[in-house]
Amino acid sequence: MDEFDGVLVMLKAAGGRIPGRTAIQKLGYFSTIPGAIGAHYRPHYYGPYSADIAGAIQALVSYGFIEERVETPVAPGSAAAPDWKRYTYSLTADGERLVQRLEKEHALEFREIEEIVSICRDTANLDSKTLSWAAKVHYIQTLEQRDLSHDEIREIARTLNWDLTEDQINRGVNLLTSLHLS
């Protein structure tokens, strides 16, 4: 399944709505592992990042298949940084119709993505930070092609400009275990 269809299926599997670009990126990353989505990933600040997925999101918004909403701090003086924004994506009616077709045409990939999103929702509540920690740990272990100690993971993470604490690694590994990736 290409990245366009993959983004639509991820949104459907999440109940039609996903808060944050980072969450979509990481769900897409986990969906590339079994080959459900064909997208390329590289290291980025929040973990593995795909320009393919980012481009698909913007194209799907412009085509009217998904809606993008921008959330900002509600009250002046809130704890959030003044320039803080979170983008939330949801399926439109046209997107829903397209997903129904995809479910028939790509049944195997559709089910794989549904399972990944379900596990990430049940285990991590689709929290972008937890998804990022898990994706970083997986990316590092895949890069090294072996199981690593937490100290080794932290050291390699630093070379990628990622700072992972012991707790973040543990939470990432817990999610990876639930996904059967650790």
N, C-alpha and C. Protein backbone atom coordinates (compact mmCIF):
# COMPACT_ATOMS: atom_id res chain seq x y z
N MET A 1 0.85 -1.17 0.00
CA MET A 1 0.00 0.00 0.00
C MET A 1 0.90 1.24 0.00
N ASP A 2 0.54 2.23 -0.79
CA ASP A 2 1.37 3.43 -0.81
C ASP A 2 1.07 4.31 0.41
N GLU A 3 1.87 5.35 0.56
CA GLU A 3 1.76 6.20 1.75
C GLU A 3 0.44 6.96 1.81
N PHE A 4 -0.15 7.29 0.67
CA PHE A 4 -1.43 8.00 0.65
C PHE A 4 -2.53 7.12 1.25
N ASP A 5 -2.62 5.89 0.72
CA ASP A 5 -3.62 4.96 1.23
C ASP A 5 -3.33 4.62 2.69
N GLY A 6 -2.05 4.48 3.03
CA GLY A 6 -1.66 4.15 4.40
C GLY A 6 -2.12 5.20 5.40
N VAL A 7 -1.96 6.47 5.08
CA VAL A 7 -2.39 7.54 5.98
C VAL A 7 -3.91 7.46 6.20
N LEU A 8 -4.65 7.24 5.13
CA LEU A 8 -6.10 7.13 5.25
C LEU A 8 -6.50 5.96 6.14
N VAL A 9 -5.85 4.81 5.94
CA VAL A 9 -6.18 3.62 6.73
C VAL A 9 -5.80 3.83 8.20
N MET A 10 -4.65 4.48 8.46
CA MET A 10 -4.27 4.76 9.85
C MET A 10 -5.33 5.62 10.53
N LEU A 11 -5.82 6.64 9.82
CA LEU A 11 -6.86 7.50 10.39
C LEU A 11 -8.13 6.70 10.68
N LYS A 12 -8.54 5.87 9.76
CA LYS A 12 -9.73 5.04 9.96
C LYS A 12 -9.53 4.12 11.16
N ALA A 13 -8.37 3.48 11.25
CA ALA A 13 -8.10 2.54 12.34
C ALA A 13 -8.08 3.23 13.69
N ALA A 14 -7.77 4.52 13.71
CA ALA A 14 -7.72 5.29 14.95
C ALA A 14 -9.07 5.91 15.30
N GLY A 15 -10.10 5.52 14.59
CA GLY A 15 -11.42 6.07 14.86
C GLY A 15 -11.73 7.31 14.06
N GLY A 16 -10.95 7.56 13.00
CA GLY A 16 -11.21 8.69 12.12
C GLY A 16 -10.43 9.94 12.44
N ARG A 17 -9.63 9.91 13.54
CA ARG A 17 -8.93 11.12 13.97
C ARG A 17 -7.62 10.76 14.66
N ILE A 18 -6.53 11.49 14.32
CA ILE A 18 -5.24 11.32 14.98
C ILE A 18 -4.70 12.70 15.34
N PRO A 19 -4.42 12.93 16.64
CA PRO A 19 -3.82 14.20 17.03
C PRO A 19 -2.31 14.18 16.81
N GLY A 20 -1.83 15.03 15.96
CA GLY A 20 -0.39 15.22 15.79
C GLY A 20 0.22 14.54 14.59
N ARG A 21 1.07 15.30 13.93
CA ARG A 21 1.83 14.78 12.79
C ARG A 21 2.80 13.69 13.24
N THR A 22 3.36 13.88 14.43
CA THR A 22 4.34 12.92 14.94
C THR A 22 3.70 11.56 15.13
N ALA A 23 2.49 11.52 15.66
CA ALA A 23 1.80 10.23 15.85
C ALA A 23 1.58 9.54 14.51
N ILE A 24 1.17 10.29 13.50
CA ILE A 24 0.98 9.69 12.17
C ILE A 24 2.31 9.17 11.63
N GLN A 25 3.37 9.95 11.79
CA GLN A 25 4.69 9.53 11.32
C GLN A 25 5.09 8.20 11.96
N LYS A 26 4.90 8.08 13.27
CA LYS A 26 5.36 6.88 13.97
C LYS A 26 4.47 5.68 13.67
N LEU A 27 3.17 5.88 13.55
CA LEU A 27 2.28 4.78 13.14
C LEU A 27 2.66 4.31 11.74
N GLY A 28 3.00 5.26 10.88
CA GLY A 28 3.47 4.90 9.54
C GLY A 28 4.76 4.12 9.59
N TYR A 29 5.67 4.54 10.47
CA TYR A 29 6.94 3.83 10.63
C TYR A 29 6.69 2.38 11.03
N PHE A 30 5.86 2.17 12.06
CA PHE A 30 5.59 0.81 12.50
C PHE A 30 4.88 0.00 11.41
N SER A 31 4.11 0.67 10.56
CA SER A 31 3.40 -0.02 9.48
C SER A 31 4.31 -0.39 8.31
N THR A 32 5.48 0.25 8.22
CA THR A 32 6.43 -0.13 7.15
C THR A 32 7.17 -1.42 7.51
N ILE A 33 7.25 -1.74 8.79
CA ILE A 33 8.04 -2.90 9.22
C ILE A 33 7.50 -4.20 8.64
N PRO A 34 6.17 -4.46 8.71
CA PRO A 34 5.66 -5.67 8.06
C PRO A 34 5.41 -5.48 6.56
N GLY A 35 5.66 -4.27 6.07
CA GLY A 35 5.47 -3.99 4.64
C GLY A 35 4.06 -3.55 4.30
N ALA A 36 3.26 -3.17 5.30
CA ALA A 36 1.89 -2.74 5.03
C ALA A 36 1.86 -1.40 4.29
N ILE A 37 2.86 -0.56 4.55
CA ILE A 37 2.99 0.73 3.87
C ILE A 37 4.39 0.81 3.30
N GLY A 38 4.49 1.28 2.07
CA GLY A 38 5.79 1.46 1.44
C GLY A 38 6.22 2.91 1.53
N ALA A 39 6.97 3.25 2.58
CA ALA A 39 7.48 4.61 2.76
C ALA A 39 8.91 4.50 3.27
N HIS A 40 9.72 5.48 2.97
CA HIS A 40 11.12 5.49 3.40
C HIS A 40 11.27 6.41 4.61
N TYR A 41 12.08 5.98 5.58
CA TYR A 41 12.30 6.73 6.81
C TYR A 41 13.79 7.02 7.01
N ARG A 42 14.05 8.16 7.64
CA ARG A 42 15.41 8.55 7.99
C ARG A 42 15.37 9.17 9.39
N PRO A 43 16.52 9.26 10.06
CA PRO A 43 16.53 9.87 11.40
C PRO A 43 16.13 11.35 11.34
N HIS A 44 15.38 11.78 12.33
CA HIS A 44 14.92 13.16 12.44
C HIS A 44 14.79 13.47 13.92
N TYR A 45 14.54 14.70 14.27
CA TYR A 45 14.49 15.12 15.66
C TYR A 45 13.58 14.25 16.52
N TYR A 46 12.37 13.97 16.07
CA TYR A 46 11.40 13.20 16.85
C TYR A 46 11.46 11.70 16.54
N GLY A 47 12.53 11.26 15.93
CA GLY A 47 12.67 9.84 15.59
C GLY A 47 12.58 9.65 14.09
N PRO A 48 12.39 8.41 13.66
CA PRO A 48 12.31 8.16 12.22
C PRO A 48 11.22 9.03 11.57
N TYR A 49 11.58 9.61 10.42
CA TYR A 49 10.70 10.55 9.73
C TYR A 49 10.65 10.19 8.25
N SER A 50 9.47 10.31 7.66
CA SER A 50 9.29 10.03 6.25
C SER A 50 8.75 11.26 5.52
N ALA A 51 9.51 11.74 4.56
CA ALA A 51 9.02 12.82 3.71
C ALA A 51 7.84 12.32 2.88
N ASP A 52 7.83 11.01 2.57
CA ASP A 52 6.71 10.41 1.82
C ASP A 52 5.40 10.58 2.59
N ILE A 53 5.43 10.26 3.88
CA ILE A 53 4.23 10.37 4.72
C ILE A 53 3.84 11.84 4.87
N ALA A 54 4.82 12.72 5.12
CA ALA A 54 4.53 14.15 5.27
C ALA A 54 3.88 14.70 4.01
N GLY A 55 4.41 14.33 2.86
CA GLY A 55 3.83 14.78 1.59
C GLY A 55 2.44 14.23 1.36
N ALA A 56 2.23 12.98 1.75
CA ALA A 56 0.91 12.36 1.59
C ALA A 56 -0.12 13.08 2.44
N ILE A 57 0.25 13.44 3.66
CA ILE A 57 -0.68 14.16 4.55
C ILE A 57 -1.11 15.46 3.88
N GLN A 58 -0.14 16.24 3.42
CA GLN A 58 -0.47 17.54 2.81
C GLN A 58 -1.30 17.37 1.53
N ALA A 59 -0.96 16.37 0.72
CA ALA A 59 -1.73 16.14 -0.51
C ALA A 59 -3.17 15.72 -0.17
N LEU A 60 -3.33 14.84 0.81
CA LEU A 60 -4.66 14.38 1.19
C LEU A 60 -5.51 15.52 1.75
N VAL A 61 -4.87 16.45 2.45
CA VAL A 61 -5.59 17.64 2.93
C VAL A 61 -6.03 18.47 1.72
N SER A 62 -5.12 18.69 0.78
CA SER A 62 -5.47 19.54 -0.37
C SER A 62 -6.51 18.88 -1.28
N TYR A 63 -6.53 17.54 -1.32
CA TYR A 63 -7.53 16.82 -2.12
C TYR A 63 -8.88 16.73 -1.42
N GLY A 64 -8.90 17.08 -0.12
CA GLY A 64 -10.16 17.04 0.62
C GLY A 64 -10.50 15.69 1.22
N PHE A 65 -9.53 14.77 1.30
CA PHE A 65 -9.79 13.46 1.90
C PHE A 65 -9.58 13.45 3.41
N ILE A 66 -8.75 14.38 3.89
CA ILE A 66 -8.59 14.54 5.33
C ILE A 66 -8.65 16.03 5.66
N GLU A 67 -9.03 16.30 6.90
CA GLU A 67 -9.12 17.68 7.38
C GLU A 67 -8.00 17.91 8.38
N GLU A 68 -7.39 19.08 8.29
CA GLU A 68 -6.33 19.46 9.22
C GLU A 68 -6.85 20.59 10.10
N ARG A 69 -6.72 20.40 11.41
CA ARG A 69 -7.07 21.44 12.36
C ARG A 69 -5.84 21.78 13.17
N VAL A 70 -5.67 23.06 13.46
CA VAL A 70 -4.53 23.52 14.24
C VAL A 70 -5.03 23.89 15.63
N GLU A 71 -4.42 23.27 16.64
CA GLU A 71 -4.74 23.59 18.03
C GLU A 71 -3.62 24.46 18.59
N THR A 72 -4.00 25.48 19.33
CA THR A 72 -3.05 26.37 19.99
C THR A 72 -3.44 26.48 21.46
N PRO A 73 -2.56 27.03 22.32
CA PRO A 73 -2.92 27.18 23.73
C PRO A 73 -4.22 27.96 23.87
N VAL A 74 -5.04 27.54 24.80
CA VAL A 74 -6.35 28.14 24.97
C VAL A 74 -6.29 29.49 25.68
N ALA A 75 -5.56 29.52 26.78
CA ALA A 75 -5.58 30.74 27.60
C ALA A 75 -4.23 31.43 27.58
N PRO A 76 -4.25 32.76 27.64
CA PRO A 76 -2.99 33.48 27.77
C PRO A 76 -2.30 33.05 29.08
N GLY A 77 -1.01 32.92 29.03
CA GLY A 77 -0.26 32.52 30.22
C GLY A 77 -0.33 31.03 30.51
N SER A 78 -0.83 30.23 29.55
CA SER A 78 -0.87 28.79 29.77
C SER A 78 0.55 28.23 29.79
N ALA A 79 0.68 26.99 30.24
CA ALA A 79 2.01 26.37 30.39
C ALA A 79 2.67 26.10 29.04
N ALA A 80 1.91 26.07 27.97
CA ALA A 80 2.47 25.78 26.65
C ALA A 80 3.26 26.98 26.13
N ALA A 81 4.26 26.70 25.32
CA ALA A 81 5.04 27.77 24.69
C ALA A 81 4.11 28.60 23.81
N PRO A 82 4.38 29.91 23.67
CA PRO A 82 3.47 30.77 22.90
C PRO A 82 3.33 30.36 21.43
N ASP A 83 4.34 29.72 20.89
CA ASP A 83 4.26 29.31 19.48
C ASP A 83 3.88 27.84 19.32
N TRP A 84 3.43 27.20 20.41
CA TRP A 84 3.05 25.79 20.38
C TRP A 84 1.83 25.59 19.50
N LYS A 85 1.88 24.56 18.66
CA LYS A 85 0.76 24.18 17.80
C LYS A 85 0.72 22.67 17.71
N ARG A 86 -0.48 22.13 17.62
CA ARG A 86 -0.62 20.70 17.31
C ARG A 86 -1.63 20.59 16.18
N TYR A 87 -1.26 19.80 15.19
CA TYR A 87 -2.12 19.57 14.05
C TYR A 87 -2.88 18.27 14.28
N THR A 88 -4.20 18.34 14.16
CA THR A 88 -5.03 17.15 14.31
C THR A 88 -5.66 16.85 12.96
N TYR A 89 -5.64 15.57 12.60
CA TYR A 89 -6.14 15.15 11.29
C TYR A 89 -7.33 14.23 11.46
N SER A 90 -8.32 14.42 10.59
CA SER A 90 -9.49 13.55 10.61
C SER A 90 -9.96 13.28 9.18
N LEU A 91 -10.63 12.16 9.02
CA LEU A 91 -11.16 11.80 7.71
C LEU A 91 -12.37 12.65 7.37
N THR A 92 -12.48 13.04 6.12
CA THR A 92 -13.69 13.70 5.63
C THR A 92 -14.62 12.61 5.10
N ALA A 93 -15.81 13.00 4.68
CA ALA A 93 -16.76 12.03 4.10
C ALA A 93 -16.16 11.38 2.85
N ASP A 94 -15.48 12.18 2.02
CA ASP A 94 -14.83 11.61 0.83
C ASP A 94 -13.72 10.64 1.23
N GLY A 95 -12.97 10.98 2.27
CA GLY A 95 -11.93 10.09 2.77
C GLY A 95 -12.50 8.79 3.28
N GLU A 96 -13.63 8.85 3.98
CA GLU A 96 -14.31 7.64 4.47
C GLU A 96 -14.69 6.72 3.32
N ARG A 97 -15.24 7.31 2.25
CA ARG A 97 -15.63 6.51 1.09
C ARG A 97 -14.42 5.84 0.45
N LEU A 98 -13.33 6.56 0.36
CA LEU A 98 -12.11 6.00 -0.21
C LEU A 98 -11.57 4.86 0.66
N VAL A 99 -11.61 5.02 1.97
CA VAL A 99 -11.13 3.97 2.88
C VAL A 99 -11.96 2.70 2.73
N GLN A 100 -13.25 2.83 2.51
CA GLN A 100 -14.09 1.65 2.31
C GLN A 100 -13.61 0.84 1.10
N ARG A 101 -13.22 1.54 0.06
CA ARG A 101 -12.68 0.86 -1.13
C ARG A 101 -11.34 0.20 -0.82
N LEU A 102 -10.49 0.91 -0.06
CA LEU A 102 -9.17 0.38 0.29
C LEU A 102 -9.28 -0.89 1.13
N GLU A 103 -10.28 -0.95 1.99
CA GLU A 103 -10.45 -2.13 2.84
C GLU A 103 -10.67 -3.38 1.99
N LYS A 104 -11.34 -3.23 0.86
CA LYS A 104 -11.57 -4.37 -0.04
C LYS A 104 -10.35 -4.66 -0.91
N GLU A 105 -9.72 -3.61 -1.41
CA GLU A 105 -8.61 -3.78 -2.35
C GLU A 105 -7.30 -4.20 -1.67
N HIS A 106 -7.11 -3.80 -0.43
CA HIS A 106 -5.86 -4.08 0.29
C HIS A 106 -6.17 -4.69 1.66
N ALA A 107 -6.93 -5.76 1.66
CA ALA A 107 -7.43 -6.34 2.92
C ALA A 107 -6.31 -6.72 3.89
N LEU A 108 -5.25 -7.34 3.40
CA LEU A 108 -4.17 -7.79 4.28
C LEU A 108 -3.46 -6.60 4.93
N GLU A 109 -3.05 -5.63 4.11
CA GLU A 109 -2.38 -4.44 4.64
C GLU A 109 -3.30 -3.65 5.57
N PHE A 110 -4.58 -3.57 5.19
CA PHE A 110 -5.56 -2.87 5.99
C PHE A 110 -5.61 -3.46 7.40
N ARG A 111 -5.68 -4.79 7.50
CA ARG A 111 -5.74 -5.47 8.80
C ARG A 111 -4.45 -5.29 9.60
N GLU A 112 -3.29 -5.33 8.91
CA GLU A 112 -2.01 -5.12 9.60
C GLU A 112 -1.95 -3.73 10.22
N ILE A 113 -2.37 -2.73 9.46
CA ILE A 113 -2.36 -1.35 9.96
C ILE A 113 -3.35 -1.20 11.11
N GLU A 114 -4.53 -1.79 10.96
CA GLU A 114 -5.52 -1.75 12.04
C GLU A 114 -4.95 -2.33 13.33
N GLU A 115 -4.25 -3.45 13.23
CA GLU A 115 -3.68 -4.09 14.42
C GLU A 115 -2.61 -3.21 15.05
N ILE A 116 -1.73 -2.63 14.24
CA ILE A 116 -0.68 -1.75 14.75
C ILE A 116 -1.28 -0.55 15.47
N VAL A 117 -2.26 0.10 14.84
CA VAL A 117 -2.88 1.28 15.45
C VAL A 117 -3.61 0.88 16.74
N SER A 118 -4.28 -0.25 16.72
CA SER A 118 -5.00 -0.73 17.91
C SER A 118 -4.04 -0.97 19.08
N ILE A 119 -2.92 -1.62 18.81
CA ILE A 119 -1.93 -1.88 19.87
C ILE A 119 -1.35 -0.56 20.38
N CYS A 120 -1.03 0.36 19.48
CA CYS A 120 -0.47 1.65 19.90
C CYS A 120 -1.50 2.46 20.68
N ARG A 121 -2.76 2.35 20.33
CA ARG A 121 -3.81 3.05 21.08
C ARG A 121 -3.98 2.43 22.46
N ASP A 122 -4.05 1.09 22.51
CA ASP A 122 -4.27 0.40 23.79
C ASP A 122 -3.07 0.50 24.72
N THR A 123 -1.86 0.45 24.17
CA THR A 123 -0.64 0.44 24.98
C THR A 123 -0.15 1.84 25.31
N ALA A 124 -0.25 2.77 24.36
CA ALA A 124 0.35 4.10 24.54
C ALA A 124 -0.64 5.24 24.34
N ASN A 125 -1.92 4.93 24.14
CA ASN A 125 -2.94 5.96 23.93
C ASN A 125 -2.58 6.91 22.77
N LEU A 126 -1.86 6.37 21.78
CA LEU A 126 -1.38 7.14 20.62
C LEU A 126 -0.58 8.37 21.03
N ASP A 127 0.03 8.31 22.21
CA ASP A 127 0.86 9.41 22.70
C ASP A 127 2.09 9.55 21.81
N SER A 128 2.27 10.72 21.22
CA SER A 128 3.36 10.92 20.26
C SER A 128 4.73 10.72 20.89
N LYS A 129 4.89 11.08 22.16
CA LYS A 129 6.20 10.91 22.81
C LYS A 129 6.53 9.43 22.96
N THR A 130 5.59 8.64 23.45
CA THR A 130 5.83 7.21 23.62
C THR A 130 6.07 6.54 22.27
N LEU A 131 5.28 6.91 21.27
CA LEU A 131 5.49 6.35 19.93
C LEU A 131 6.88 6.72 19.41
N SER A 132 7.32 7.94 19.67
CA SER A 132 8.65 8.39 19.23
C SER A 132 9.75 7.60 19.92
N TRP A 133 9.63 7.39 21.23
CA TRP A 133 10.65 6.64 21.96
C TRP A 133 10.76 5.22 21.42
N ALA A 134 9.62 4.59 21.19
CA ALA A 134 9.62 3.22 20.67
C ALA A 134 10.23 3.18 19.26
N ALA A 135 9.86 4.14 18.42
CA ALA A 135 10.40 4.16 17.05
C ALA A 135 11.91 4.40 17.06
N LYS A 136 12.38 5.27 17.95
CA LYS A 136 13.83 5.51 18.05
C LYS A 136 14.55 4.24 18.47
N VAL A 137 14.05 3.56 19.49
CA VAL A 137 14.69 2.32 19.95
C VAL A 137 14.70 1.29 18.83
N HIS A 138 13.57 1.13 18.15
CA HIS A 138 13.51 0.15 17.06
C HIS A 138 14.47 0.52 15.93
N TYR A 139 14.48 1.79 15.57
CA TYR A 139 15.35 2.26 14.49
C TYR A 139 16.81 1.95 14.82
N ILE A 140 17.22 2.23 16.05
CA ILE A 140 18.60 1.99 16.47
C ILE A 140 18.92 0.50 16.43
N GLN A 141 18.01 -0.33 16.95
CA GLN A 141 18.27 -1.77 16.95
C GLN A 141 18.32 -2.33 15.53
N THR A 142 17.49 -1.79 14.66
CA THR A 142 17.51 -2.22 13.26
C THR A 142 18.81 -1.78 12.58
N LEU A 143 19.23 -0.55 12.88
CA LEU A 143 20.48 -0.02 12.34
C LEU A 143 21.66 -0.91 12.75
N GLU A 144 21.68 -1.32 14.00
CA GLU A 144 22.77 -2.14 14.52
C GLU A 144 22.59 -3.63 14.25
N GLN A 145 21.39 -4.04 13.89
CA GLN A 145 21.06 -5.43 13.57
C GLN A 145 21.38 -6.39 14.70
N ARG A 146 21.10 -5.93 15.93
CA ARG A 146 21.30 -6.79 17.10
C ARG A 146 20.58 -6.18 18.29
N ASP A 147 20.36 -7.02 19.31
CA ASP A 147 19.81 -6.50 20.57
C ASP A 147 20.89 -5.69 21.26
N LEU A 148 20.50 -4.61 21.88
CA LEU A 148 21.45 -3.70 22.52
C LEU A 148 21.06 -3.48 23.98
N SER A 149 22.04 -3.20 24.80
CA SER A 149 21.75 -2.79 26.18
C SER A 149 21.19 -1.38 26.14
N HIS A 150 20.58 -0.97 27.23
CA HIS A 150 20.05 0.39 27.29
C HIS A 150 21.15 1.43 27.19
N ASP A 151 22.30 1.13 27.77
CA ASP A 151 23.44 2.06 27.66
C ASP A 151 23.88 2.20 26.20
N GLU A 152 23.92 1.09 25.47
CA GLU A 152 24.29 1.15 24.05
C GLU A 152 23.25 1.92 23.25
N ILE A 153 21.99 1.72 23.56
CA ILE A 153 20.92 2.45 22.86
C ILE A 153 21.09 3.95 23.10
N ARG A 154 21.32 4.33 24.37
CA ARG A 154 21.50 5.76 24.69
C ARG A 154 22.70 6.35 23.96
N GLU A 155 23.78 5.61 23.90
CA GLU A 155 25.00 6.09 23.24
C GLU A 155 24.78 6.29 21.74
N ILE A 156 24.17 5.31 21.09
CA ILE A 156 23.90 5.43 19.65
C ILE A 156 22.87 6.53 19.40
N ALA A 157 21.89 6.66 20.29
CA ALA A 157 20.88 7.72 20.15
C ALA A 157 21.55 9.09 20.14
N ARG A 158 22.53 9.27 20.98
CA ARG A 158 23.24 10.56 21.03
C ARG A 158 23.89 10.90 19.69
N THR A 159 24.40 9.88 18.98
CA THR A 159 25.02 10.13 17.68
C THR A 159 23.99 10.59 16.65
N LEU A 160 22.70 10.31 16.92
CA LEU A 160 21.61 10.74 16.04
C LEU A 160 20.92 12.00 16.59
N ASN A 161 21.54 12.61 17.61
CA ASN A 161 20.99 13.79 18.29
C ASN A 161 19.66 13.51 18.99
N TRP A 162 19.53 12.27 19.49
CA TRP A 162 18.37 11.88 20.28
C TRP A 162 18.84 11.67 21.71
N ASP A 163 18.11 12.19 22.64
CA ASP A 163 18.42 12.00 24.05
C ASP A 163 17.33 11.12 24.66
N LEU A 164 17.67 9.90 25.01
CA LEU A 164 16.71 8.96 25.59
C LEU A 164 17.10 8.63 27.03
N THR A 165 16.15 8.75 27.93
CA THR A 165 16.39 8.38 29.32
C THR A 165 16.09 6.88 29.50
N GLU A 166 16.46 6.36 30.64
CA GLU A 166 16.17 4.95 30.95
C GLU A 166 14.67 4.69 30.91
N ASP A 167 13.89 5.59 31.51
CA ASP A 167 12.43 5.43 31.51
C ASP A 167 11.86 5.48 30.09
N GLN A 168 12.35 6.38 29.25
CA GLN A 168 11.87 6.48 27.87
C GLN A 168 12.19 5.20 27.10
N ILE A 169 13.38 4.66 27.30
CA ILE A 169 13.75 3.41 26.63
C ILE A 169 12.83 2.29 27.11
N ASN A 170 12.59 2.21 28.42
CA ASN A 170 11.71 1.18 28.97
C ASN A 170 10.30 1.28 28.39
N ARG A 171 9.79 2.49 28.33
CA ARG A 171 8.43 2.68 27.78
C ARG A 171 8.40 2.35 26.29
N GLY A 172 9.47 2.70 25.58
CA GLY A 172 9.55 2.34 24.16
C GLY A 172 9.61 0.84 23.96
N VAL A 173 10.43 0.17 24.77
CA VAL A 173 10.56 -1.28 24.67
C VAL A 173 9.23 -1.96 25.00
N ASN A 174 8.50 -1.43 25.98
CA ASN A 174 7.19 -2.00 26.33
C ASN A 174 6.25 -1.96 25.13
N LEU A 175 6.23 -0.82 24.43
CA LEU A 175 5.38 -0.73 23.25
C LEU A 175 5.88 -1.67 22.15
N LEU A 176 7.17 -1.72 21.95
CA LEU A 176 7.73 -2.63 20.93
C LEU A 176 7.39 -4.08 21.25
N THR A 177 7.41 -4.44 22.51
CA THR A 177 7.04 -5.80 22.92
C THR A 177 5.58 -6.07 22.58
N SER A 178 4.71 -5.12 22.85
CA SER A 178 3.30 -5.27 22.51
C SER A 178 3.09 -5.41 21.00
N LEU A 179 3.94 -4.73 20.25
CA LEU A 179 3.88 -4.80 18.77
C LEU A 179 4.60 -6.04 18.23
N HIS A 180 5.18 -6.83 19.12
CA HIS A 180 5.97 -8.02 18.73
C HIS A 180 7.19 -7.64 17.90
N LEU A 181 7.79 -6.50 18.26
CA LEU A 181 8.98 -6.01 17.55
C LEU A 181 10.22 -6.01 18.44
N SER A 182 10.13 -6.57 19.63
CA SER A 182 11.27 -6.60 20.53
C SER A 182 11.41 -7.97 21.14
